[in-house]
Amino acid sequence: MHTGDWSAVSVRCPFWRGETERAICCEGPSRGELVRRIFPNKALKKELKKRLCCGEYESCVVYKMVWATYDETSGL
């Protein structure tokens, strides 16, 4: 996925996989699966990326969902 800018270097979330103009793509809960978050406008996507992907990613619902799949008992 192409982002169009270099802000991707600031991403801290280990599950971030890429983005487009109005979407952020993250690792999904199953092996090989992706989650795409689509926003109504670029400004909202930019704000969420700055706050979560580049900041407090542990509070993101997608991060929490994916992190739960890395439970030691699951074998992943």
C-alpha atoms as a PDB file:
ATOM      1  CA  MET A   1       0.000   0.000   0.000  1.00  0.00           C
ATOM      2  CA  HIS A   2       1.154   3.468  -0.779  1.00  0.00           C
ATOM      3  CA  THR A   3       0.813   6.255   1.748  1.00  0.00           C
ATOM      4  CA  GLY A   4       1.803   9.308  -0.287  1.00  0.00           C
ATOM      5  CA  ASP A   5       3.896  10.761   2.537  1.00  0.00           C
ATOM      6  CA  TRP A   6       6.758   9.747   4.772  1.00  0.00           C
ATOM      7  CA  SER A   7       4.876   9.795   8.088  1.00  0.00           C
ATOM      8  CA  ALA A   8       4.937   5.987   8.057  1.00  0.00           C
ATOM      9  CA  VAL A   9       8.410   6.145   9.597  1.00  0.00           C
ATOM     10  CA  SER A  10       6.755   7.478  12.779  1.00  0.00           C
ATOM     11  CA  VAL A  11       4.440   4.485  13.190  1.00  0.00           C
ATOM     12  CA  ARG A  12       5.074   2.617  16.452  1.00  0.00           C
ATOM     13  CA  CYS A  13       2.360  -0.047  16.274  1.00  0.00           C
ATOM     14  CA  PRO A  14       3.785  -3.469  15.403  1.00  0.00           C
ATOM     15  CA  PHE A  15       0.544  -4.454  13.633  1.00  0.00           C
ATOM     16  CA  TRP A  16       0.418  -1.510  11.180  1.00  0.00           C
ATOM     17  CA  ARG A  17       0.876  -2.793   7.634  1.00  0.00           C
ATOM     18  CA  GLY A  18       0.237   0.215   5.396  1.00  0.00           C
ATOM     19  CA  GLU A  19      -2.231   2.833   4.330  1.00  0.00           C
ATOM     20  CA  THR A  20      -3.932   4.562   1.468  1.00  0.00           C
ATOM     21  CA  GLU A  21      -5.325   8.071   1.245  1.00  0.00           C
ATOM     22  CA  ARG A  22      -8.327   7.285   3.483  1.00  0.00           C
ATOM     23  CA  ALA A  23      -7.543   3.876   4.998  1.00  0.00           C
ATOM     24  CA  ILE A  24      -5.169   2.279   7.477  1.00  0.00           C
ATOM     25  CA  CYS A  25      -4.354  -1.391   7.066  1.00  0.00           C
ATOM     26  CA  CYS A  26      -3.369  -3.541  10.046  1.00  0.00           C
ATOM     27  CA  GLU A  27      -2.533  -7.151  10.702  1.00  0.00           C
ATOM     28  CA  GLY A  28      -5.706  -9.122  11.334  1.00  0.00           C
ATOM     29  CA  PRO A  29      -6.695 -11.638  13.999  1.00  0.00           C
ATOM     30  CA  SER A  30      -5.956 -14.672  11.779  1.00  0.00           C
ATOM     31  CA  ARG A  31      -2.748 -15.611   9.996  1.00  0.00           C
ATOM     32  CA  GLY A  32      -2.584 -13.851   6.618  1.00  0.00           C
ATOM     33  CA  GLU A  33      -5.611 -11.664   7.340  1.00  0.00           C
ATOM     34  CA  LEU A  34      -5.647  -7.851   7.207  1.00  0.00           C
ATOM     35  CA  VAL A  35      -8.006  -5.325   8.790  1.00  0.00           C
ATOM     36  CA  ARG A  36      -8.689  -2.182   6.788  1.00  0.00           C
ATOM     37  CA  ARG A  37     -10.055   0.855   8.622  1.00  0.00           C
ATOM     38  CA  ILE A  38     -11.671   3.227   6.126  1.00  0.00           C
ATOM     39  CA  PHE A  39     -12.329   6.836   7.123  1.00  0.00           C
ATOM     40  CA  PRO A  40     -14.793   9.365   5.687  1.00  0.00           C
ATOM     41  CA  ASN A  41     -11.998  11.895   5.146  1.00  0.00           C
ATOM     42  CA  LYS A  42      -8.212  12.259   5.202  1.00  0.00           C
ATOM     43  CA  ALA A  43      -8.239  14.510   8.273  1.00  0.00           C
ATOM     44  CA  LEU A  44      -9.888  11.901  10.490  1.00  0.00           C
ATOM     45  CA  LYS A  45      -7.482   9.206   9.273  1.00  0.00           C
ATOM     46  CA  LYS A  46      -4.517  11.475   9.926  1.00  0.00           C
ATOM     47  CA  GLU A  47      -5.715  12.267  13.452  1.00  0.00           C
ATOM     48  CA  LEU A  48      -6.260   8.604  14.350  1.00  0.00           C
ATOM     49  CA  LYS A  49      -2.903   7.599  12.872  1.00  0.00           C
ATOM     50  CA  LYS A  50      -1.103  10.269  14.877  1.00  0.00           C
ATOM     51  CA  ARG A  51      -2.922   9.421  18.120  1.00  0.00           C
ATOM     52  CA  LEU A  52      -2.865   5.618  17.887  1.00  0.00           C
ATOM     53  CA  CYS A  53      -0.514   4.248  15.220  1.00  0.00           C
ATOM     54  CA  CYS A  54       2.255   6.712  16.059  1.00  0.00           C
ATOM     55  CA  GLY A  55       1.403   7.129  19.735  1.00  0.00           C
ATOM     56  CA  GLU A  56      -0.612   5.144  22.225  1.00  0.00           C
ATOM     57  CA  TYR A  57      -1.184   2.123  19.990  1.00  0.00           C
ATOM     58  CA  GLU A  58      -1.885  -0.113  23.014  1.00  0.00           C
ATOM     59  CA  SER A  59      -5.264   1.615  23.396  1.00  0.00           C
ATOM     60  CA  CYS A  60      -6.352   0.815  19.813  1.00  0.00           C
ATOM     61  CA  VAL A  61      -9.173  -1.738  19.474  1.00  0.00           C
ATOM     62  CA  VAL A  62      -7.457  -3.391  16.504  1.00  0.00           C
ATOM     63  CA  TYR A  63      -4.188  -3.698  18.434  1.00  0.00           C
ATOM     64  CA  LYS A  64      -6.023  -5.276  21.383  1.00  0.00           C
ATOM     65  CA  MET A  65      -7.852  -7.717  19.114  1.00  0.00           C
ATOM     66  CA  VAL A  66      -4.690  -8.820  17.295  1.00  0.00           C
ATOM     67  CA  TRP A  67      -2.572  -8.909  20.455  1.00  0.00           C
ATOM     68  CA  ALA A  68      -5.078 -11.339  21.992  1.00  0.00           C
ATOM     69  CA  THR A  69      -4.301 -13.815  19.191  1.00  0.00           C
ATOM     70  CA  TYR A  70      -0.675 -13.943  20.301  1.00  0.00           C
ATOM     71  CA  ASP A  71      -1.614 -15.734  23.505  1.00  0.00           C
ATOM     72  CA  GLU A  72       1.074 -18.258  24.406  1.00  0.00           C
ATOM     73  CA  THR A  73      -1.471 -21.069  24.524  1.00  0.00           C
ATOM     74  CA  SER A  74      -2.633 -20.451  20.959  1.00  0.00           C
ATOM     75  CA  GLY A  75       0.640 -21.577  19.430  1.00  0.00           C
ATOM     76  CA  LEU A  76       1.005 -18.462  17.237  1.00  0.00           C
END
